[in-house]
Amino acid sequence: MNLATTVATIAIALSLLLATISFWLPQLSPDYEKLSPYECGFDPVGTARLPFSLRFFLVAILFLLFDLELALLLPLPWGNQLTTPFYTFAWAAAILGLLTLGLIYEWIQGGLEWAE
């Protein structure tokens, strides 16, 4: 048996084992919250035309912004191995400085205050 067949056999066996175990592990007596179709915190009884707070949108945008910051800074350790690591550091500092200024501006404007 060659290496590819062994790896495929192990992968299939492990997948089947994990799929079989996953049917036995769940809790058999779910509570009221698990049986409700809404897990987002909104009351499912009532009108669907409730006003949606823009604070949720702001938090989501800020999360995406700082998540993209991590994606931009991820290659930083490899960039230090280049012939000019100063440029890598300068670009990383510029990105962090710009994001810090944006966060300070948002904080001063009161965009991070949840209660008005």
N, C-alpha and C. Protein backbone atom coordinates (compact mmCIF):
# COMPACT_ATOMS: atom_id res chain seq x y z
N MET A 1 0.85 -1.17 0.00
CA MET A 1 0.00 0.00 0.00
C MET A 1 0.90 1.24 0.00
N ASN A 2 0.64 2.13 -0.94
CA ASN A 2 1.50 3.31 -1.04
C ASN A 2 1.02 4.43 -0.10
N LEU A 3 1.76 5.51 -0.09
CA LEU A 3 1.50 6.60 0.84
C LEU A 3 0.15 7.28 0.58
N ALA A 4 -0.21 7.50 -0.67
CA ALA A 4 -1.47 8.17 -0.99
C ALA A 4 -2.67 7.35 -0.53
N THR A 5 -2.61 6.05 -0.71
CA THR A 5 -3.70 5.18 -0.27
C THR A 5 -3.80 5.18 1.25
N THR A 6 -2.68 5.18 1.93
CA THR A 6 -2.69 5.19 3.39
C THR A 6 -3.28 6.50 3.92
N VAL A 7 -2.88 7.62 3.33
CA VAL A 7 -3.40 8.91 3.76
C VAL A 7 -4.90 9.00 3.49
N ALA A 8 -5.35 8.55 2.33
CA ALA A 8 -6.78 8.57 2.00
C ALA A 8 -7.57 7.68 2.94
N THR A 9 -7.05 6.51 3.27
CA THR A 9 -7.73 5.59 4.18
C THR A 9 -7.85 6.20 5.58
N ILE A 10 -6.78 6.80 6.06
CA ILE A 10 -6.81 7.43 7.38
C ILE A 10 -7.79 8.60 7.39
N ALA A 11 -7.80 9.40 6.33
CA ALA A 11 -8.70 10.55 6.26
C ALA A 11 -10.16 10.12 6.25
N ILE A 12 -10.47 9.10 5.46
CA ILE A 12 -11.85 8.60 5.40
C ILE A 12 -12.27 7.98 6.73
N ALA A 13 -11.38 7.18 7.32
CA ALA A 13 -11.70 6.56 8.61
C ALA A 13 -11.90 7.60 9.70
N LEU A 14 -11.05 8.61 9.73
CA LEU A 14 -11.18 9.67 10.74
C LEU A 14 -12.46 10.47 10.53
N SER A 15 -12.80 10.74 9.29
CA SER A 15 -14.03 11.48 8.99
C SER A 15 -15.26 10.69 9.43
N LEU A 16 -15.28 9.42 9.12
CA LEU A 16 -16.41 8.59 9.53
C LEU A 16 -16.49 8.46 11.04
N LEU A 17 -15.36 8.33 11.70
CA LEU A 17 -15.35 8.24 13.16
C LEU A 17 -15.87 9.52 13.80
N LEU A 18 -15.42 10.67 13.32
CA LEU A 18 -15.89 11.94 13.87
C LEU A 18 -17.36 12.19 13.57
N ALA A 19 -17.83 11.81 12.39
CA ALA A 19 -19.24 11.97 12.06
C ALA A 19 -20.11 11.07 12.93
N THR A 20 -19.65 9.87 13.21
CA THR A 20 -20.40 8.96 14.07
C THR A 20 -20.44 9.47 15.51
N ILE A 21 -19.33 9.95 16.00
CA ILE A 21 -19.28 10.47 17.38
C ILE A 21 -20.14 11.72 17.52
N SER A 22 -20.21 12.54 16.48
CA SER A 22 -20.98 13.79 16.57
C SER A 22 -22.47 13.54 16.73
N PHE A 23 -22.96 12.37 16.32
CA PHE A 23 -24.37 12.07 16.53
C PHE A 23 -24.65 11.64 17.96
N TRP A 24 -23.66 11.13 18.67
CA TRP A 24 -23.85 10.68 20.04
C TRP A 24 -23.58 11.76 21.07
N LEU A 25 -22.80 12.75 20.74
CA LEU A 25 -22.41 13.77 21.72
C LEU A 25 -23.47 14.82 22.03
N PRO A 26 -24.38 15.19 21.12
CA PRO A 26 -25.29 16.29 21.44
C PRO A 26 -26.19 15.95 22.62
N GLN A 27 -26.63 17.01 23.28
CA GLN A 27 -27.51 16.86 24.41
C GLN A 27 -28.87 16.37 23.91
N LEU A 28 -29.41 15.37 24.56
CA LEU A 28 -30.66 14.78 24.09
C LEU A 28 -31.89 15.53 24.57
N SER A 29 -31.78 16.34 25.61
CA SER A 29 -32.94 17.09 26.10
C SER A 29 -32.65 18.60 25.99
N PRO A 30 -32.87 19.19 24.82
CA PRO A 30 -32.58 20.62 24.66
C PRO A 30 -33.58 21.46 25.46
N ASP A 31 -33.13 22.63 25.87
CA ASP A 31 -33.98 23.52 26.65
C ASP A 31 -34.78 24.45 25.73
N TYR A 32 -35.52 25.37 26.34
CA TYR A 32 -36.42 26.25 25.59
C TYR A 32 -35.68 27.13 24.60
N GLU A 33 -34.51 27.64 25.01
CA GLU A 33 -33.76 28.54 24.13
C GLU A 33 -33.25 27.81 22.88
N LYS A 34 -32.87 26.55 23.04
CA LYS A 34 -32.39 25.81 21.88
C LYS A 34 -33.52 25.46 20.92
N LEU A 35 -34.73 25.33 21.44
CA LEU A 35 -35.85 25.00 20.58
C LEU A 35 -36.44 26.22 19.88
N SER A 36 -36.13 27.42 20.36
CA SER A 36 -36.67 28.62 19.73
C SER A 36 -35.94 28.88 18.42
N PRO A 37 -36.64 29.35 17.40
CA PRO A 37 -36.00 29.57 16.10
C PRO A 37 -35.09 30.80 16.07
N TYR A 38 -35.19 31.68 17.08
CA TYR A 38 -34.40 32.90 17.08
C TYR A 38 -33.40 32.86 18.23
N GLU A 39 -32.13 32.94 17.89
CA GLU A 39 -31.09 32.96 18.91
C GLU A 39 -30.36 34.30 18.92
N CYS A 40 -30.93 35.31 18.28
CA CYS A 40 -30.24 36.59 18.14
C CYS A 40 -30.57 37.56 19.27
N GLY A 41 -31.53 37.24 20.11
CA GLY A 41 -31.86 38.13 21.20
C GLY A 41 -33.10 38.95 20.97
N PHE A 42 -33.64 38.96 19.76
CA PHE A 42 -34.86 39.70 19.48
C PHE A 42 -36.06 38.83 19.82
N ASP A 43 -37.11 39.46 20.27
CA ASP A 43 -38.34 38.75 20.60
C ASP A 43 -39.02 38.34 19.30
N PRO A 44 -39.26 37.05 19.05
CA PRO A 44 -39.85 36.64 17.78
C PRO A 44 -41.34 36.94 17.69
N VAL A 45 -41.97 37.29 18.80
CA VAL A 45 -43.39 37.60 18.78
C VAL A 45 -43.54 39.11 18.59
N GLY A 46 -44.28 39.50 17.63
CA GLY A 46 -44.48 40.93 17.38
C GLY A 46 -44.23 41.26 15.93
N THR A 47 -44.17 42.54 15.63
CA THR A 47 -44.00 42.98 14.26
C THR A 47 -42.55 42.81 13.80
N ALA A 48 -42.40 42.60 12.53
CA ALA A 48 -41.07 42.46 11.95
C ALA A 48 -40.51 43.80 11.51
N ARG A 49 -41.26 44.86 11.72
CA ARG A 49 -40.85 46.20 11.27
C ARG A 49 -40.30 47.05 12.40
N LEU A 50 -39.62 46.42 13.35
CA LEU A 50 -39.01 47.19 14.44
C LEU A 50 -37.80 47.93 13.91
N PRO A 51 -37.54 49.13 14.40
CA PRO A 51 -36.36 49.86 13.92
C PRO A 51 -35.07 49.17 14.38
N PHE A 52 -34.14 49.08 13.49
CA PHE A 52 -32.86 48.43 13.77
C PHE A 52 -31.85 49.49 14.18
N SER A 53 -31.20 49.28 15.29
CA SER A 53 -30.24 50.26 15.79
C SER A 53 -28.99 50.26 14.92
N LEU A 54 -28.53 51.45 14.57
CA LEU A 54 -27.34 51.57 13.76
C LEU A 54 -26.07 51.30 14.57
N ARG A 55 -26.18 51.18 15.89
CA ARG A 55 -25.03 50.85 16.72
C ARG A 55 -24.49 49.46 16.37
N PHE A 56 -25.40 48.53 16.06
CA PHE A 56 -24.97 47.20 15.65
C PHE A 56 -24.15 47.28 14.37
N PHE A 57 -24.60 48.10 13.44
CA PHE A 57 -23.89 48.29 12.18
C PHE A 57 -22.51 48.89 12.42
N LEU A 58 -22.43 49.87 13.31
CA LEU A 58 -21.15 50.52 13.61
C LEU A 58 -20.17 49.53 14.22
N VAL A 59 -20.64 48.72 15.14
CA VAL A 59 -19.76 47.71 15.76
C VAL A 59 -19.29 46.72 14.71
N ALA A 60 -20.16 46.32 13.81
CA ALA A 60 -19.77 45.38 12.76
C ALA A 60 -18.72 45.99 11.83
N ILE A 61 -18.89 47.24 11.46
CA ILE A 61 -17.92 47.90 10.59
C ILE A 61 -16.58 48.06 11.29
N LEU A 62 -16.59 48.42 12.57
CA LEU A 62 -15.34 48.56 13.31
C LEU A 62 -14.64 47.20 13.44
N PHE A 63 -15.42 46.16 13.65
CA PHE A 63 -14.83 44.83 13.72
C PHE A 63 -14.16 44.46 12.40
N LEU A 64 -14.84 44.71 11.29
CA LEU A 64 -14.26 44.41 9.98
C LEU A 64 -13.01 45.24 9.73
N LEU A 65 -13.03 46.49 10.15
CA LEU A 65 -11.87 47.36 9.94
C LEU A 65 -10.65 46.82 10.67
N PHE A 66 -10.80 46.46 11.94
CA PHE A 66 -9.66 45.98 12.69
C PHE A 66 -9.31 44.54 12.33
N ASP A 67 -10.26 43.81 11.79
CA ASP A 67 -9.96 42.48 11.29
C ASP A 67 -9.10 42.59 10.03
N LEU A 68 -9.40 43.55 9.18
CA LEU A 68 -8.57 43.77 7.99
C LEU A 68 -7.19 44.28 8.36
N GLU A 69 -7.10 44.99 9.49
CA GLU A 69 -5.79 45.43 9.97
C GLU A 69 -4.90 44.21 10.22
N LEU A 70 -5.45 43.20 10.83
CA LEU A 70 -4.67 41.98 11.08
C LEU A 70 -4.25 41.33 9.77
N ALA A 71 -5.15 41.34 8.79
CA ALA A 71 -4.80 40.75 7.49
C ALA A 71 -3.69 41.53 6.80
N LEU A 72 -3.68 42.85 6.99
CA LEU A 72 -2.62 43.65 6.38
C LEU A 72 -1.29 43.49 7.09
N LEU A 73 -1.33 43.25 8.40
CA LEU A 73 -0.09 43.13 9.17
C LEU A 73 0.42 41.69 9.27
N LEU A 74 -0.33 40.74 8.75
CA LEU A 74 0.08 39.33 8.83
C LEU A 74 1.42 39.05 8.15
N PRO A 75 1.71 39.61 6.97
CA PRO A 75 3.01 39.33 6.34
C PRO A 75 4.19 40.10 6.95
N LEU A 76 3.98 40.82 8.02
CA LEU A 76 5.04 41.64 8.60
C LEU A 76 6.28 40.85 9.00
N PRO A 77 6.18 39.69 9.65
CA PRO A 77 7.42 38.96 9.98
C PRO A 77 8.22 38.53 8.76
N TRP A 78 7.53 38.17 7.68
CA TRP A 78 8.26 37.79 6.47
C TRP A 78 8.86 39.01 5.79
N GLY A 79 8.20 40.16 5.93
CA GLY A 79 8.72 41.37 5.33
C GLY A 79 9.99 41.86 6.00
N ASN A 80 10.21 41.47 7.25
CA ASN A 80 11.44 41.86 7.94
C ASN A 80 12.66 41.13 7.40
N GLN A 81 12.45 40.08 6.64
CA GLN A 81 13.57 39.33 6.05
C GLN A 81 14.03 39.92 4.72
N LEU A 82 13.37 40.96 4.24
CA LEU A 82 13.75 41.58 2.98
C LEU A 82 15.05 42.37 3.15
N THR A 83 15.54 42.90 2.06
CA THR A 83 16.80 43.64 2.12
C THR A 83 16.63 45.00 2.80
N THR A 84 15.41 45.54 2.77
CA THR A 84 15.15 46.84 3.43
C THR A 84 14.00 46.67 4.44
N PRO A 85 14.29 46.18 5.63
CA PRO A 85 13.22 45.99 6.61
C PRO A 85 12.66 47.30 7.14
N PHE A 86 13.39 48.40 6.94
CA PHE A 86 12.87 49.69 7.42
C PHE A 86 11.58 50.07 6.70
N TYR A 87 11.50 49.79 5.38
CA TYR A 87 10.29 50.11 4.64
C TYR A 87 9.10 49.29 5.14
N THR A 88 9.35 48.05 5.48
CA THR A 88 8.28 47.20 6.03
C THR A 88 7.78 47.78 7.33
N PHE A 89 8.70 48.16 8.20
CA PHE A 89 8.31 48.76 9.47
C PHE A 89 7.58 50.08 9.27
N ALA A 90 8.04 50.88 8.32
CA ALA A 90 7.41 52.18 8.07
C ALA A 90 5.97 52.00 7.58
N TRP A 91 5.74 51.06 6.66
CA TRP A 91 4.38 50.82 6.17
C TRP A 91 3.48 50.28 7.27
N ALA A 92 4.00 49.37 8.09
CA ALA A 92 3.21 48.83 9.20
C ALA A 92 2.88 49.93 10.20
N ALA A 93 3.84 50.79 10.49
CA ALA A 93 3.59 51.90 11.42
C ALA A 93 2.58 52.88 10.83
N ALA A 94 2.65 53.11 9.53
CA ALA A 94 1.69 54.01 8.89
C ALA A 94 0.27 53.44 8.97
N ILE A 95 0.12 52.15 8.73
CA ILE A 95 -1.20 51.52 8.81
C ILE A 95 -1.74 51.59 10.24
N LEU A 96 -0.89 51.25 11.21
CA LEU A 96 -1.33 51.30 12.60
C LEU A 96 -1.63 52.73 13.05
N GLY A 97 -0.84 53.68 12.59
CA GLY A 97 -1.09 55.08 12.95
C GLY A 97 -2.40 55.59 12.37
N LEU A 98 -2.67 55.24 11.11
CA LEU A 98 -3.92 55.66 10.48
C LEU A 98 -5.12 55.05 11.18
N LEU A 99 -5.04 53.77 11.52
CA LEU A 99 -6.14 53.14 12.23
C LEU A 99 -6.31 53.69 13.64
N THR A 100 -5.21 54.02 14.30
CA THR A 100 -5.30 54.61 15.64
C THR A 100 -5.93 55.99 15.58
N LEU A 101 -5.56 56.79 14.59
CA LEU A 101 -6.18 58.11 14.43
C LEU A 101 -7.68 57.98 14.14
N GLY A 102 -8.06 57.01 13.32
CA GLY A 102 -9.48 56.78 13.05
C GLY A 102 -10.24 56.36 14.29
N LEU A 103 -9.62 55.50 15.10
CA LEU A 103 -10.27 55.07 16.34
C LEU A 103 -10.41 56.23 17.32
N ILE A 104 -9.38 57.07 17.42
CA ILE A 104 -9.45 58.24 18.31
C ILE A 104 -10.55 59.20 17.84
N TYR A 105 -10.63 59.42 16.54
CA TYR A 105 -11.67 60.28 15.99
C TYR A 105 -13.06 59.73 16.30
N GLU A 106 -13.24 58.43 16.12
CA GLU A 106 -14.53 57.80 16.40
C GLU A 106 -14.86 57.91 17.88
N TRP A 107 -13.88 57.78 18.73
CA TRP A 107 -14.07 57.88 20.18
C TRP A 107 -14.47 59.30 20.57
N ILE A 108 -13.79 60.30 19.99
CA ILE A 108 -14.10 61.70 20.31
C ILE A 108 -15.50 62.07 19.82
N GLN A 109 -15.88 61.57 18.66
CA GLN A 109 -17.20 61.88 18.12
C GLN A 109 -18.33 61.19 18.88
N GLY A 110 -17.98 60.23 19.75
CA GLY A 110 -19.01 59.53 20.55
C GLY A 110 -19.61 58.34 19.84
N GLY A 111 -18.96 57.86 18.81
CA GLY A 111 -19.50 56.72 18.07
C GLY A 111 -19.38 55.40 18.80
N LEU A 112 -18.53 55.35 19.80
CA LEU A 112 -18.36 54.12 20.56
C LEU A 112 -19.22 54.08 21.81
N GLU A 113 -19.96 55.15 22.09
CA GLU A 113 -20.85 55.18 23.24
C GLU A 113 -22.12 54.40 22.90
N TRP A 114 -22.41 53.40 23.69
CA TRP A 114 -23.60 52.59 23.39
C TRP A 114 -24.87 53.27 23.86
N ALA A 115 -24.86 53.82 25.06
CA ALA A 115 -26.03 54.50 25.60
C ALA A 115 -25.92 55.99 25.27
N GLU A 116 -27.02 56.55 24.84
CA GLU A 116 -27.03 57.98 24.48
C GLU A 116 -27.54 58.82 25.61
